[in-house]
C-alpha atoms as a PDB file:
ATOM      1  CA  MET A   1       0.000   0.000   0.000  1.00  0.00           C
ATOM      2  CA  SER A   2       2.987   2.301  -0.545  1.00  0.00           C
ATOM      3  CA  SER A   3       1.130   4.554  -3.004  1.00  0.00           C
ATOM      4  CA  LEU A   4      -1.818   5.125  -0.654  1.00  0.00           C
ATOM      5  CA  LYS A   5      -1.746   8.367   1.317  1.00  0.00           C
ATOM      6  CA  ILE A   6      -4.336   9.923   3.612  1.00  0.00           C
ATOM      7  CA  PHE A   7      -4.573  13.613   4.385  1.00  0.00           C
ATOM      8  CA  SER A   8      -6.954  15.332   6.760  1.00  0.00           C
ATOM      9  CA  GLY A   9      -8.344  18.798   7.225  1.00  0.00           C
ATOM     10  CA  LYS A  10      -9.102  20.330  10.599  1.00  0.00           C
ATOM     11  CA  SER A  11     -12.749  19.261  10.843  1.00  0.00           C
ATOM     12  CA  ASN A  12     -12.338  15.743  12.269  1.00  0.00           C
ATOM     13  CA  PRO A  13      -8.663  14.924  12.958  1.00  0.00           C
ATOM     14  CA  ALA A  14      -9.457  12.191  15.501  1.00  0.00           C
ATOM     15  CA  LEU A  15     -11.403  10.180  12.916  1.00  0.00           C
ATOM     16  CA  ALA A  16      -8.577  10.569  10.383  1.00  0.00           C
ATOM     17  CA  ARG A  17      -6.014   9.375  12.947  1.00  0.00           C
ATOM     18  CA  GLY A  18      -8.189   6.380  13.777  1.00  0.00           C
ATOM     19  CA  ILE A  19      -8.527   5.437  10.108  1.00  0.00           C
ATOM     20  CA  CYS A  20      -4.761   5.637   9.625  1.00  0.00           C
ATOM     21  CA  GLU A  21      -4.204   3.501  12.734  1.00  0.00           C
ATOM     22  CA  TYR A  22      -6.648   0.916  11.381  1.00  0.00           C
ATOM     23  CA  LEU A  23      -4.764   0.832   8.057  1.00  0.00           C
ATOM     24  CA  ASN A  24      -1.387   0.922   9.843  1.00  0.00           C
ATOM     25  CA  ILE A  25      -0.105   3.848   7.793  1.00  0.00           C
ATOM     26  CA  SER A  26       1.172   7.304   8.713  1.00  0.00           C
ATOM     27  CA  GLN A  27      -1.021  10.299   8.067  1.00  0.00           C
ATOM     28  CA  GLY A  28       0.116  12.564   5.243  1.00  0.00           C
ATOM     29  CA  LYS A  29       2.019  15.692   6.227  1.00  0.00           C
ATOM     30  CA  ILE A  30       0.195  18.915   5.463  1.00  0.00           C
ATOM     31  CA  GLU A  31       0.355  22.520   6.612  1.00  0.00           C
ATOM     32  CA  LEU A  32      -2.994  24.227   7.197  1.00  0.00           C
ATOM     33  CA  SER A  33      -2.926  27.836   8.301  1.00  0.00           C
ATOM     34  CA  GLU A  34      -4.623  31.191   7.784  1.00  0.00           C
ATOM     35  CA  PHE A  35      -3.521  34.607   6.630  1.00  0.00           C
ATOM     36  CA  SER A  36      -4.471  37.562   8.824  1.00  0.00           C
ATOM     37  CA  ASP A  37      -7.581  38.234   6.712  1.00  0.00           C
ATOM     38  CA  GLY A  38      -8.877  34.679   7.191  1.00  0.00           C
ATOM     39  CA  GLU A  39      -7.743  33.216   3.858  1.00  0.00           C
ATOM     40  CA  ILE A  40      -6.782  29.551   4.109  1.00  0.00           C
ATOM     41  CA  PHE A  41      -3.268  28.442   3.177  1.00  0.00           C
ATOM     42  CA  VAL A  42      -2.431  24.818   2.365  1.00  0.00           C
ATOM     43  CA  GLN A  43       0.911  23.197   1.590  1.00  0.00           C
ATOM     44  CA  ILE A  44       1.417  19.468   1.073  1.00  0.00           C
ATOM     45  CA  GLU A  45       4.689  18.673   2.841  1.00  0.00           C
ATOM     46  CA  GLU A  46       5.558  15.428   1.070  1.00  0.00           C
ATOM     47  CA  SER A  47       5.548  14.110  -2.471  1.00  0.00           C
ATOM     48  CA  VAL A  48       2.204  12.829  -3.771  1.00  0.00           C
ATOM     49  CA  ARG A  49       3.199  12.393  -7.405  1.00  0.00           C
ATOM     50  CA  GLY A  50       1.498   9.296  -8.820  1.00  0.00           C
ATOM     51  CA  CYS A  51      -0.126   8.453  -5.469  1.00  0.00           C
ATOM     52  CA  ASP A  52      -3.667   7.388  -4.598  1.00  0.00           C
ATOM     53  CA  ILE A  53      -4.812  10.149  -2.228  1.00  0.00           C
ATOM     54  CA  PHE A  54      -7.733  10.190   0.210  1.00  0.00           C
ATOM     55  CA  VAL A  55      -8.684  13.510   1.796  1.00  0.00           C
ATOM     56  CA  ILE A  56     -10.836  13.239   4.940  1.00  0.00           C
ATOM     57  CA  GLN A  57     -13.029  16.184   5.907  1.00  0.00           C
ATOM     58  CA  SER A  58     -16.496  16.457   7.431  1.00  0.00           C
ATOM     59  CA  THR A  59     -18.265  19.680   6.498  1.00  0.00           C
ATOM     60  CA  HIS A  60     -20.099  20.512   9.716  1.00  0.00           C
ATOM     61  CA  ASN A  61     -20.044  23.838  11.536  1.00  0.00           C
ATOM     62  CA  PRO A  62     -18.258  26.015  10.509  1.00  0.00           C
ATOM     63  CA  ALA A  63     -19.434  24.440   7.259  1.00  0.00           C
ATOM     64  CA  ASN A  64     -18.181  27.108   4.865  1.00  0.00           C
ATOM     65  CA  ARG A  65     -14.665  27.053   6.298  1.00  0.00           C
ATOM     66  CA  HIS A  66     -14.467  23.259   6.233  1.00  0.00           C
ATOM     67  CA  ILE A  67     -15.745  23.093   2.648  1.00  0.00           C
ATOM     68  CA  MET A  68     -13.279  25.750   1.489  1.00  0.00           C
ATOM     69  CA  GLU A  69     -10.432  23.985   3.281  1.00  0.00           C
ATOM     70  CA  MET A  70     -11.386  20.733   1.543  1.00  0.00           C
ATOM     71  CA  LEU A  71     -11.462  22.377  -1.887  1.00  0.00           C
ATOM     72  CA  ILE A  72      -8.065  24.011  -1.403  1.00  0.00           C
ATOM     73  CA  MET A  73      -6.500  20.751  -0.185  1.00  0.00           C
ATOM     74  CA  ILE A  74      -7.829  18.903  -3.229  1.00  0.00           C
ATOM     75  CA  ASP A  75      -6.560  21.625  -5.571  1.00  0.00           C
ATOM     76  CA  ALA A  76      -3.093  21.539  -3.978  1.00  0.00           C
ATOM     77  CA  ILE A  77      -2.914  17.750  -4.279  1.00  0.00           C
ATOM     78  CA  ARG A  78      -4.118  17.811  -7.898  1.00  0.00           C
ATOM     79  CA  ARG A  79      -1.459  20.375  -8.814  1.00  0.00           C
ATOM     80  CA  ALA A  80       1.143  18.145  -7.131  1.00  0.00           C
ATOM     81  CA  SER A  81       0.369  15.409  -9.701  1.00  0.00           C
ATOM     82  CA  ALA A  82      -1.499  12.825  -7.628  1.00  0.00           C
ATOM     83  CA  SER A  83      -2.845   9.986  -9.766  1.00  0.00           C
ATOM     84  CA  ARG A  84      -6.280   9.926  -8.067  1.00  0.00           C
ATOM     85  CA  ILE A  85      -7.966  12.008  -5.368  1.00  0.00           C
ATOM     86  CA  THR A  86     -10.859  10.650  -3.313  1.00  0.00           C
ATOM     87  CA  ALA A  87     -12.774  13.103  -1.152  1.00  0.00           C
ATOM     88  CA  VAL A  88     -13.945  11.331   2.024  1.00  0.00           C
ATOM     89  CA  LEU A  89     -16.830  13.232   3.600  1.00  0.00           C
ATOM     90  CA  PRO A  90     -18.110  11.388   6.681  1.00  0.00           C
ATOM     91  CA  TYR A  91     -20.693  14.171   6.953  1.00  0.00           C
ATOM     92  CA  PHE A  92     -21.714  15.931   3.732  1.00  0.00           C
ATOM     93  CA  GLY A  93     -22.786  19.479   4.552  1.00  0.00           C
ATOM     94  CA  TYR A  94     -25.509  21.346   2.646  1.00  0.00           C
ATOM     95  CA  ALA A  95     -27.203  17.985   1.989  1.00  0.00           C
ATOM     96  CA  ARG A  96     -30.538  19.341   3.212  1.00  0.00           C
ATOM     97  CA  GLN A  97     -30.579  21.864   0.363  1.00  0.00           C
ATOM     98  CA  ASP A  98     -31.122  19.126  -2.202  1.00  0.00           C
ATOM     99  CA  ARG A  99     -34.169  20.389  -4.144  1.00  0.00           C
ATOM    100  CA  LYS A 100     -35.928  23.525  -5.253  1.00  0.00           C
ATOM    101  CA  ASP A 101     -39.001  23.460  -3.027  1.00  0.00           C
ATOM    102  CA  LYS A 102     -39.611  27.225  -3.079  1.00  0.00           C
ATOM    103  CA  PRO A 103     -39.266  29.914  -5.741  1.00  0.00           C
ATOM    104  CA  ARG A 104     -35.810  31.431  -6.254  1.00  0.00           C
ATOM    105  CA  VAL A 105     -33.832  29.123  -3.955  1.00  0.00           C
ATOM    106  CA  PRO A 106     -30.575  27.288  -4.797  1.00  0.00           C
ATOM    107  CA  ILE A 107     -29.860  23.577  -4.903  1.00  0.00           C
ATOM    108  CA  THR A 108     -26.734  23.995  -2.831  1.00  0.00           C
ATOM    109  CA  SER A 109     -25.839  20.323  -2.498  1.00  0.00           C
ATOM    110  CA  LYS A 110     -25.489  20.213  -6.299  1.00  0.00           C
ATOM    111  CA  LEU A 111     -23.268  23.293  -6.140  1.00  0.00           C
ATOM    112  CA  ILE A 112     -21.009  21.623  -3.572  1.00  0.00           C
ATOM    113  CA  ALA A 113     -20.831  18.512  -5.771  1.00  0.00           C
ATOM    114  CA  ASN A 114     -19.753  20.667  -8.717  1.00  0.00           C
ATOM    115  CA  LEU A 115     -17.119  22.456  -6.618  1.00  0.00           C
ATOM    116  CA  LEU A 116     -15.567  19.191  -5.426  1.00  0.00           C
ATOM    117  CA  VAL A 117     -15.265  17.902  -8.979  1.00  0.00           C
ATOM    118  CA  THR A 118     -13.921  21.231 -10.270  1.00  0.00           C
ATOM    119  CA  ALA A 119     -11.285  21.281  -7.512  1.00  0.00           C
ATOM    120  CA  GLY A 120     -10.026  17.897  -8.709  1.00  0.00           C
ATOM    121  CA  ALA A 121     -11.828  15.118  -6.836  1.00  0.00           C
ATOM    122  CA  ASN A 122     -12.021  11.890  -8.863  1.00  0.00           C
ATOM    123  CA  ARG A 123     -14.188   9.969  -6.416  1.00  0.00           C
ATOM    124  CA  ILE A 124     -16.401  10.602  -3.385  1.00  0.00           C
ATOM    125  CA  VAL A 125     -16.836   8.513  -0.231  1.00  0.00           C
ATOM    126  CA  THR A 126     -19.597   9.582   2.122  1.00  0.00           C
ATOM    127  CA  LEU A 127     -21.996   8.350   4.790  1.00  0.00           C
ATOM    128  CA  ASP A 128     -25.792   8.494   5.102  1.00  0.00           C
ATOM    129  CA  LEU A 129     -26.651  11.359   2.786  1.00  0.00           C
ATOM    130  CA  HIS A 130     -29.787  13.231   3.774  1.00  0.00           C
ATOM    131  CA  ALA A 131     -31.391  12.414   0.414  1.00  0.00           C
ATOM    132  CA  PRO A 132     -30.417   9.649  -2.047  1.00  0.00           C
ATOM    133  CA  GLN A 133     -30.879  11.910  -5.086  1.00  0.00           C
ATOM    134  CA  ILE A 134     -27.661  13.709  -4.096  1.00  0.00           C
ATOM    135  CA  LEU A 135     -25.786  10.719  -5.532  1.00  0.00           C
ATOM    136  CA  GLY A 136     -27.002  11.846  -8.947  1.00  0.00           C
ATOM    137  CA  PHE A 137     -25.499  15.310  -8.484  1.00  0.00           C
ATOM    138  CA  PHE A 138     -22.017  13.886  -9.050  1.00  0.00           C
ATOM    139  CA  ASP A 139     -20.540  12.975 -12.425  1.00  0.00           C
ATOM    140  CA  ILE A 140     -17.830  10.913 -10.725  1.00  0.00           C
ATOM    141  CA  PRO A 141     -18.104   7.626  -8.769  1.00  0.00           C
ATOM    142  CA  VAL A 142     -19.660   7.898  -5.306  1.00  0.00           C
ATOM    143  CA  ASP A 143     -19.388   5.235  -2.604  1.00  0.00           C
ATOM    144  CA  HIS A 144     -22.279   5.832  -0.214  1.00  0.00           C
ATOM    145  CA  PHE A 145     -22.047   3.920   3.066  1.00  0.00           C
ATOM    146  CA  SER A 146     -24.394   3.655   6.013  1.00  0.00           C
ATOM    147  CA  ALA A 147     -23.887   3.737   9.767  1.00  0.00           C
ATOM    148  CA  THR A 148     -27.071   1.703  10.246  1.00  0.00           C
ATOM    149  CA  PRO A 149     -25.339  -1.720  10.619  1.00  0.00           C
ATOM    150  CA  ILE A 150     -22.984  -0.297  13.265  1.00  0.00           C
ATOM    151  CA  ILE A 151     -25.863   1.229  15.223  1.00  0.00           C
ATOM    152  CA  ILE A 152     -27.935  -1.943  14.906  1.00  0.00           C
ATOM    153  CA  ASP A 153     -25.027  -4.028  16.256  1.00  0.00           C
ATOM    154  CA  TYR A 154     -24.881  -1.714  19.262  1.00  0.00           C
ATOM    155  CA  ILE A 155     -28.642  -2.022  19.849  1.00  0.00           C
ATOM    156  CA  LYS A 156     -28.464  -5.812  19.572  1.00  0.00           C
ATOM    157  CA  ALA A 157     -25.684  -5.902  22.162  1.00  0.00           C
ATOM    158  CA  HIS A 158     -28.004  -4.251  24.665  1.00  0.00           C
ATOM    159  CA  ASP A 159     -31.488  -5.074  25.867  1.00  0.00           C
ATOM    160  CA  TYR A 160     -34.021  -4.242  23.163  1.00  0.00           C
ATOM    161  CA  ARG A 161     -36.915  -6.440  24.263  1.00  0.00           C
ATOM    162  CA  ASN A 162     -40.386  -4.957  23.891  1.00  0.00           C
ATOM    163  CA  THR A 163     -39.023  -2.350  21.467  1.00  0.00           C
ATOM    164  CA  VAL A 164     -40.863  -0.408  18.773  1.00  0.00           C
ATOM    165  CA  VAL A 165     -38.789   1.389  16.118  1.00  0.00           C
ATOM    166  CA  CYS A 166     -40.223   4.822  15.355  1.00  0.00           C
ATOM    167  CA  ALA A 167     -39.681   7.291  12.514  1.00  0.00           C
ATOM    168  CA  PRO A 168     -40.086  10.891  13.746  1.00  0.00           C
ATOM    169  CA  ASP A 169     -41.606  11.964  10.411  1.00  0.00           C
ATOM    170  CA  MET A 170     -42.708  10.626   7.021  1.00  0.00           C
ATOM    171  CA  GLY A 171     -39.291  11.254   5.477  1.00  0.00           C
ATOM    172  CA  GLY A 172     -37.647   8.748   7.796  1.00  0.00           C
ATOM    173  CA  ILE A 173     -39.990   5.813   7.275  1.00  0.00           C
ATOM    174  CA  LYS A 174     -37.660   3.872   4.953  1.00  0.00           C
ATOM    175  CA  ARG A 175     -34.734   4.297   7.338  1.00  0.00           C
ATOM    176  CA  ALA A 176     -36.847   3.194  10.296  1.00  0.00           C
ATOM    177  CA  ALA A 177     -38.094   0.173   8.339  1.00  0.00           C
ATOM    178  CA  VAL A 178     -34.497  -1.023   7.901  1.00  0.00           C
ATOM    179  CA  TYR A 179     -33.999  -0.909  11.672  1.00  0.00           C
ATOM    180  CA  ALA A 180     -37.339  -2.595  12.340  1.00  0.00           C
ATOM    181  CA  ASP A 181     -36.555  -5.437   9.919  1.00  0.00           C
ATOM    182  CA  ALA A 182     -33.059  -5.976  11.334  1.00  0.00           C
ATOM    183  CA  LEU A 183     -34.285  -5.965  14.929  1.00  0.00           C
ATOM    184  CA  GLU A 184     -37.531  -7.817  14.089  1.00  0.00           C
ATOM    185  CA  CYS A 185     -39.501  -5.112  15.877  1.00  0.00           C
ATOM    186  CA  PRO A 186     -42.782  -3.318  15.091  1.00  0.00           C
ATOM    187  CA  LEU A 187     -42.570  -0.053  13.170  1.00  0.00           C
ATOM    188  CA  ALA A 188     -44.260   3.181  14.280  1.00  0.00           C
ATOM    189  CA  LEU A 189     -44.562   6.556  12.570  1.00  0.00           C
ATOM    190  CA  ILE A 190     -45.195  10.049  13.851  1.00  0.00           C
ATOM    191  CA  ALA A 191     -47.316  12.061  11.444  1.00  0.00           C
ATOM    192  CA  LYS A 192     -45.877  15.569  11.547  1.00  0.00           C
ATOM    193  CA  ARG A 193     -46.321  18.890   9.833  1.00  0.00           C
ATOM    194  CA  ARG A 194     -44.494  22.194  10.246  1.00  0.00           C
ATOM    195  CA  SER A 195     -46.118  25.526  10.972  1.00  0.00           C
ATOM    196  CA  ASP A 196     -42.998  27.170   9.524  1.00  0.00           C
ATOM    197  CA  ALA A 197     -39.321  26.373   8.929  1.00  0.00           C
ATOM    198  CA  SER A 198     -38.483  26.551  12.640  1.00  0.00           C
ATOM    199  CA  HIS A 199     -41.552  25.097  14.360  1.00  0.00           C
ATOM    200  CA  ILE A 200     -43.219  21.696  14.238  1.00  0.00           C
ATOM    201  CA  LYS A 201     -46.855  20.778  14.673  1.00  0.00           C
ATOM    202  CA  THR A 202     -47.098  17.117  15.571  1.00  0.00           C
ATOM    203  CA  VAL A 203     -50.260  15.299  14.583  1.00  0.00           C
ATOM    204  CA  ASP A 204     -50.233  11.806  16.089  1.00  0.00           C
ATOM    205  CA  THR A 205     -48.531   8.423  16.212  1.00  0.00           C
ATOM    206  CA  ILE A 206     -49.331   5.563  13.884  1.00  0.00           C
ATOM    207  CA  GLU A 207     -48.902   2.243  15.784  1.00  0.00           C
ATOM    208  CA  GLU A 208     -49.442   1.472  19.466  1.00  0.00           C
ATOM    209  CA  VAL A 209     -46.562   2.618  21.689  1.00  0.00           C
ATOM    210  CA  THR A 210     -48.124   2.322  25.149  1.00  0.00           C
ATOM    211  CA  GLY A 211     -45.930   0.233  27.438  1.00  0.00           C
ATOM    212  CA  LYS A 212     -43.200  -0.070  24.765  1.00  0.00           C
ATOM    213  CA  ASN A 213     -39.510   0.836  24.654  1.00  0.00           C
ATOM    214  CA  ILE A 214     -38.997   3.186  21.704  1.00  0.00           C
ATOM    215  CA  LEU A 215     -36.058   3.479  19.335  1.00  0.00           C
ATOM    216  CA  LEU A 216     -36.321   6.788  17.458  1.00  0.00           C
ATOM    217  CA  VAL A 217     -34.155   6.826  14.316  1.00  0.00           C
ATOM    218  CA  ASP A 218     -33.078   9.719  12.096  1.00  0.00           C
ATOM    219  CA  ASP A 219     -30.124  10.722   9.938  1.00  0.00           C
ATOM    220  CA  ILE A 220     -29.232  14.176  11.327  1.00  0.00           C
ATOM    221  CA  ALA A 221     -29.770  15.872  14.688  1.00  0.00           C
ATOM    222  CA  GLU A 222     -28.789  19.538  14.867  1.00  0.00           C
ATOM    223  CA  THR A 223     -31.337  21.579  16.818  1.00  0.00           C
ATOM    224  CA  ALA A 224     -33.007  18.287  17.901  1.00  0.00           C
ATOM    225  CA  GLU A 225     -36.496  19.802  17.708  1.00  0.00           C
ATOM    226  CA  THR A 226     -37.821  16.870  15.681  1.00  0.00           C
ATOM    227  CA  LEU A 227     -36.457  14.300  18.157  1.00  0.00           C
ATOM    228  CA  ALA A 228     -37.505  16.218  21.262  1.00  0.00           C
ATOM    229  CA  THR A 229     -41.021  16.847  19.954  1.00  0.00           C
ATOM    230  CA  ALA A 230     -41.413  13.205  18.925  1.00  0.00           C
ATOM    231  CA  ALA A 231     -40.119  11.964  22.285  1.00  0.00           C
ATOM    232  CA  LYS A 232     -42.545  14.182  24.190  1.00  0.00           C
ATOM    233  CA  LEU A 233     -45.493  12.841  22.184  1.00  0.00           C
ATOM    234  CA  LEU A 234     -44.354   9.233  22.605  1.00  0.00           C
ATOM    235  CA  LYS A 235     -44.037   9.673  26.352  1.00  0.00           C
ATOM    236  CA  GLU A 236     -47.521  11.187  26.485  1.00  0.00           C
ATOM    237  CA  LYS A 237     -48.744   8.124  24.605  1.00  0.00           C
ATOM    238  CA  GLY A 238     -47.361   5.855  27.304  1.00  0.00           C
ATOM    239  CA  ALA A 239     -43.876   4.848  26.082  1.00  0.00           C
ATOM    240  CA  LEU A 240     -41.748   3.267  28.807  1.00  0.00           C
ATOM    241  CA  SER A 241     -38.330   4.433  27.595  1.00  0.00           C
ATOM    242  CA  ILE A 242     -36.972   6.254  24.551  1.00  0.00           C
ATOM    243  CA  ARG A 243     -33.621   5.923  22.824  1.00  0.00           C
ATOM    244  CA  ALA A 244     -32.651   7.983  19.770  1.00  0.00           C
ATOM    245  CA  ALA A 245     -30.240   6.719  17.104  1.00  0.00           C
ATOM    246  CA  VAL A 246     -28.848   9.266  14.630  1.00  0.00           C
ATOM    247  CA  SER A 247     -26.065   8.885  12.059  1.00  0.00           C
ATOM    248  CA  HIS A 248     -24.844  12.484  12.327  1.00  0.00           C
ATOM    249  CA  GLY A 249     -25.079  14.112  15.745  1.00  0.00           C
ATOM    250  CA  ILE A 250     -24.129  17.682  14.798  1.00  0.00           C
ATOM    251  CA  LEU A 251     -25.846  19.073  17.873  1.00  0.00           C
ATOM    252  CA  THR A 252     -25.868  22.804  18.493  1.00  0.00           C
ATOM    253  CA  GLU A 253     -25.978  24.198  22.016  1.00  0.00           C
ATOM    254  CA  ILE A 254     -29.756  24.537  21.687  1.00  0.00           C
ATOM    255  CA  GLY A 255     -29.974  20.958  20.399  1.00  0.00           C
ATOM    256  CA  GLN A 256     -28.050  19.587  23.371  1.00  0.00           C
ATOM    257  CA  LYS A 257     -30.259  21.477  25.810  1.00  0.00           C
ATOM    258  CA  ARG A 258     -33.392  20.183  24.073  1.00  0.00           C
ATOM    259  CA  LEU A 259     -32.187  16.602  24.339  1.00  0.00           C
ATOM    260  CA  LYS A 260     -31.226  16.988  28.004  1.00  0.00           C
ATOM    261  CA  ASN A 261     -34.689  18.376  28.758  1.00  0.00           C
ATOM    262  CA  SER A 262     -36.505  15.770  26.643  1.00  0.00           C
ATOM    263  CA  PRO A 263     -37.735  12.293  27.674  1.00  0.00           C
ATOM    264  CA  ILE A 264     -34.954  10.697  25.597  1.00  0.00           C
ATOM    265  CA  ASP A 265     -32.964   8.361  27.868  1.00  0.00           C
ATOM    266  CA  LEU A 266     -30.018   7.754  25.526  1.00  0.00           C
ATOM    267  CA  PHE A 267     -28.728   9.502  22.394  1.00  0.00           C
ATOM    268  CA  ILE A 268     -26.787   7.176  20.061  1.00  0.00           C
ATOM    269  CA  THR A 269     -24.693   8.628  17.230  1.00  0.00           C
ATOM    270  CA  THR A 270     -21.327   8.226  15.448  1.00  0.00           C
ATOM    271  CA  ASN A 271     -18.044  10.115  15.224  1.00  0.00           C
ATOM    272  CA  SER A 272     -18.788  11.378  11.700  1.00  0.00           C
ATOM    273  CA  THR A 273     -18.383  14.778  13.372  1.00  0.00           C
ATOM    274  CA  PRO A 274     -16.454  15.565  16.582  1.00  0.00           C
ATOM    275  CA  THR A 275     -19.313  17.255  18.457  1.00  0.00           C
ATOM    276  CA  VAL A 276     -18.500  17.572  22.144  1.00  0.00           C
ATOM    277  CA  PHE A 277     -21.445  16.574  24.324  1.00  0.00           C
ATOM    278  CA  GLU A 278     -22.285  18.700  27.340  1.00  0.00           C
ATOM    279  CA  GLY A 279     -22.487  17.219  30.805  1.00  0.00           C
ATOM    280  CA  GLY A 280     -25.853  15.805  31.682  1.00  0.00           C
ATOM    281  CA  LEU A 281     -26.556  14.486  28.192  1.00  0.00           C
ATOM    282  CA  SER A 282     -26.601  10.692  28.151  1.00  0.00           C
ATOM    283  CA  ALA A 283     -24.939   9.878  24.835  1.00  0.00           C
ATOM    284  CA  VAL A 284     -22.957   7.141  23.072  1.00  0.00           C
ATOM    285  CA  ARG A 285     -20.688   7.826  20.103  1.00  0.00           C
ATOM    286  CA  LEU A 286     -19.955   4.811  17.865  1.00  0.00           C
ATOM    287  CA  ASP A 287     -16.682   4.590  15.965  1.00  0.00           C
ATOM    288  CA  LEU A 288     -16.538   4.704  12.141  1.00  0.00           C
ATOM    289  CA  CYS A 289     -12.783   4.184  11.746  1.00  0.00           C
ATOM    290  CA  GLU A 290     -13.058   0.534  10.724  1.00  0.00           C
ATOM    291  CA  LEU A 291     -15.876   1.265   8.252  1.00  0.00           C
ATOM    292  CA  PHE A 292     -13.952   4.004   6.466  1.00  0.00           C
ATOM    293  CA  GLY A 293     -10.675   2.117   6.775  1.00  0.00           C
ATOM    294  CA  LYS A 294     -12.147  -0.908   4.996  1.00  0.00           C
ATOM    295  CA  ALA A 295     -13.706   1.348   2.355  1.00  0.00           C
ATOM    296  CA  ILE A 296     -10.427   3.135   1.644  1.00  0.00           C
ATOM    297  CA  LYS A 297      -8.494  -0.142   1.485  1.00  0.00           C
ATOM    298  CA  GLY A 298     -11.095  -1.666  -0.840  1.00  0.00           C
ATOM    299  CA  ILE A 299     -11.108   1.314  -3.191  1.00  0.00           C
ATOM    300  CA  HIS A 300      -7.314   1.498  -3.246  1.00  0.00           C
ATOM    301  CA  GLU A 301      -6.998  -2.209  -4.033  1.00  0.00           C
ATOM    302  CA  GLY A 302      -9.778  -2.102  -6.632  1.00  0.00           C
ATOM    303  CA  LYS A 303     -12.068  -4.550  -4.855  1.00  0.00           C
ATOM    304  CA  SER A 304     -15.535  -5.037  -6.274  1.00  0.00           C
ATOM    305  CA  ASP A 305     -17.363  -6.019  -3.068  1.00  0.00           C
ATOM    306  CA  LEU A 306     -17.820  -2.534  -1.606  1.00  0.00           C
ATOM    307  CA  GLN A 307     -21.580  -2.808  -2.123  1.00  0.00           C
ATOM    308  CA  GLU A 308     -21.658  -5.274   0.754  1.00  0.00           C
ATOM    309  CA  MET A 309     -20.631  -2.459   3.092  1.00  0.00           C
ATOM    310  CA  GLU A 310     -23.197   0.052   1.830  1.00  0.00           C
END
């Protein structure tokens, strides 16, 4: 694996180190700094000519800085004559702006896809995109993996008797169905509508939850209003306990407070982003290093069985 090199931006260095440890390789040397006006400076501090390069960067808050840093790293590596550049985005920012649902709004996830390709990315590796149509925004290969098997393994290792899997809204029903099938549990749905972009009006639950242990599943938790509102309704309906499982726990300060004040007993997420949880929040962060390490090794070696991981 001498031609494989991994570089990381500043967004999630712990995940990058873990991936390199899994692959038993040293992390690529790179200088990342800023000029006094905030411009980002990048210099690759070792030869990458003819190498297979993987650049790891989640694009969470501050999203714009992390995206720009990623683009500049890719451009620097391309100009240094790397043979292939794979952008590894454990969390793909702007994924919620994936369609034109109002007049005169952008499709920003398509814009980000275009920018990555223009910068020089030859391939994309990412995890649990907010919407599957984003895969079609790229004109280069995309390997789209899921944290669901890792979360399900964790649930199976703990007591999940008398559990009902619940989707907090209509958009999450397919995701929840995967969990329900794997755990052989009933599936519930919360019918929800918004009064505006920031406030939710919950309608009701579909499926009996009285006396049940609930597993709420979603892909992203930021302000946690959806999860907190769903948990409150489920508790009012007689749920015994509530756990929430989310692929990307990019919780804001408000989101963490909402979860702490909600009936949710345990928040389960991954290290796709390095969000630091406040004291008082009962949370578990599952490790993705092996998943991404296997993906990178498989891509580098040209294996054809990556679909088994997706």
